[in-house]
Protein backbone atom coordinates (compact mmCIF):
# COMPACT_ATOMS: atom_id res chain seq x y z
CA MET A 1 -0.03 0.05 -0.04
CA MET A 2 1.39 3.46 -0.93
CA GLN A 3 1.81 5.62 2.05
CA PRO A 4 2.04 9.34 1.98
CA MET A 5 5.63 9.20 3.04
CA HIS A 6 6.43 7.10 -0.10
CA ILE A 7 5.03 10.04 -2.22
CA VAL A 8 7.09 12.61 -0.38
CA LEU A 9 10.26 10.52 -0.92
CA ALA A 10 9.50 10.01 -4.46
CA VAL A 11 9.07 13.83 -5.02
CA ALA A 12 12.33 14.30 -3.09
CA VAL A 13 14.22 11.98 -5.24
CA ALA A 14 12.77 13.63 -8.36
CA ALA A 15 13.84 17.02 -7.01
CA ILE A 16 17.40 15.69 -6.46
CA VAL A 17 17.59 14.18 -9.98
CA ALA A 18 16.32 17.47 -11.43
CA SER A 19 18.91 19.33 -9.37
CA PHE A 20 21.70 17.15 -10.67
CA TRP A 21 20.40 17.57 -14.33
CA ARG A 22 20.06 21.35 -13.99
CA ALA A 23 23.58 21.58 -12.72
CA HIS A 24 24.78 19.34 -15.40
CA LYS A 25 23.25 21.56 -18.06
CA THR A 26 24.34 24.84 -16.52
CA PRO A 27 27.12 26.36 -18.68
CA GLY A 28 30.36 27.25 -16.69
CA PHE A 29 29.32 25.06 -13.74
CA GLU A 30 31.86 22.23 -13.43
CA PHE A 31 29.50 19.33 -12.69
CA ASN A 32 28.99 16.34 -15.15
CA ALA A 33 26.29 14.05 -13.95
CA PHE A 34 27.60 11.36 -16.20
CA ASP A 35 30.82 11.23 -14.13
CA LEU A 36 28.78 9.34 -11.61
CA ILE A 37 28.48 6.36 -14.01
CA MET A 38 31.39 6.75 -16.40
CA SER A 39 35.17 6.20 -16.34
CA LYS A 40 37.59 7.34 -18.96
CA GLY A 41 34.76 8.49 -21.28
CA LYS A 42 32.86 5.01 -21.12
CA VAL A 43 30.15 3.77 -19.24
CA ASP A 44 31.62 1.87 -16.09
CA LYS A 45 29.59 -1.25 -15.22
CA ILE A 46 30.84 -1.22 -11.69
CA ALA A 47 29.91 2.57 -11.21
CA VAL A 48 26.42 1.87 -12.56
CA ALA A 49 26.07 -1.21 -10.32
CA PHE A 50 27.34 0.86 -7.43
CA MET A 51 24.90 3.70 -7.96
CA LEU A 52 21.91 1.21 -8.55
CA VAL A 53 22.65 -0.67 -5.39
CA LEU A 54 23.12 2.71 -3.43
CA ILE A 55 19.62 3.76 -4.72
CA LEU A 56 17.91 0.45 -3.99
CA SER A 57 19.49 -0.06 -0.50
CA SER A 58 18.78 3.59 0.46
CA TRP A 59 15.20 3.14 -0.47
CA VAL A 60 14.90 -0.19 1.51
CA ILE A 61 16.31 1.58 4.54
CA VAL A 62 13.90 4.42 4.17
CA ASP A 63 11.00 1.95 3.72
CA LEU A 64 12.05 0.08 6.70
CA GLN A 65 12.10 3.17 8.75
CA VAL A 66 8.67 4.42 7.31
CA ASN A 67 7.03 1.09 8.31
CA GLY A 68 8.67 1.12 11.77
CA ARG A 69 10.92 -1.95 11.10
CA LEU A 70 14.40 -0.34 11.00
CA THR A 71 16.61 -1.89 13.64
CA GLU A 72 20.03 -0.82 14.78
CA GLY A 73 21.41 -3.93 13.06
CA TYR A 74 20.02 -3.04 9.62
CA PHE A 75 21.11 0.55 10.04
CA ALA A 76 24.68 -0.67 11.10
CA ILE A 77 24.87 -3.01 8.04
CA TYR A 78 23.73 -0.28 5.79
CA THR A 79 26.19 2.38 7.01
CA GLY A 80 28.97 -0.01 7.21
CA ALA A 81 28.59 -1.30 3.69
CA TRP A 82 28.70 2.36 2.39
CA ILE A 83 31.38 3.78 4.82
CA THR A 84 33.80 0.96 4.89
CA PRO A 85 35.02 1.20 1.27
CA LEU A 86 35.36 5.01 1.61
CA VAL A 87 37.49 4.64 4.74
CA ALA A 88 39.49 1.80 3.00
CA LYS A 89 40.29 3.95 0.18
CA VAL A 90 41.51 6.77 2.35
CA VAL A 91 43.64 4.58 4.53
CA PHE A 92 44.99 2.07 2.05
CA ASN A 93 45.11 4.05 -1.27
CA LYS A 94 48.19 6.09 -0.40
CA THR A 95 49.94 7.31 -3.52
CA GLU A 96 53.40 8.99 -3.33
CA PRO A 97 53.60 12.53 -4.69
CA VAL A 98 55.39 12.96 -7.90
CA LYS A 99 58.76 14.75 -7.33
CA THR A 100 59.73 17.33 -9.93
CA ASP A 101 63.11 15.66 -10.00
CA ASP A 102 61.49 12.51 -11.14
CA LEU A 103 59.84 14.15 -14.02
CA SER A 104 63.10 15.66 -15.38
CA LYS A 105 64.59 12.15 -15.52
CA THR A 106 62.18 11.02 -18.16
């Protein structure tokens, strides 16, 4: 059954999508909506899957909350699933800065 909160959420999602598209189309504004799903000029299957799973899992969490069934465990799993890769990238993806001396040797 469609609850009023679902309509509010659908309108909010539509507003966010419209804002992204408007920013994407604004000349001089450096935002490309396609960067969310593309890598090196091509559609990236992993990025598309990532965005779809983010949208779906977020909708499930919101639906659980609207229906009063969201537990701390569900929320911990959800946040852990999305925060862990970001923390891992920051901690383990250490790139050494390029020294200008190294550039002159090539």
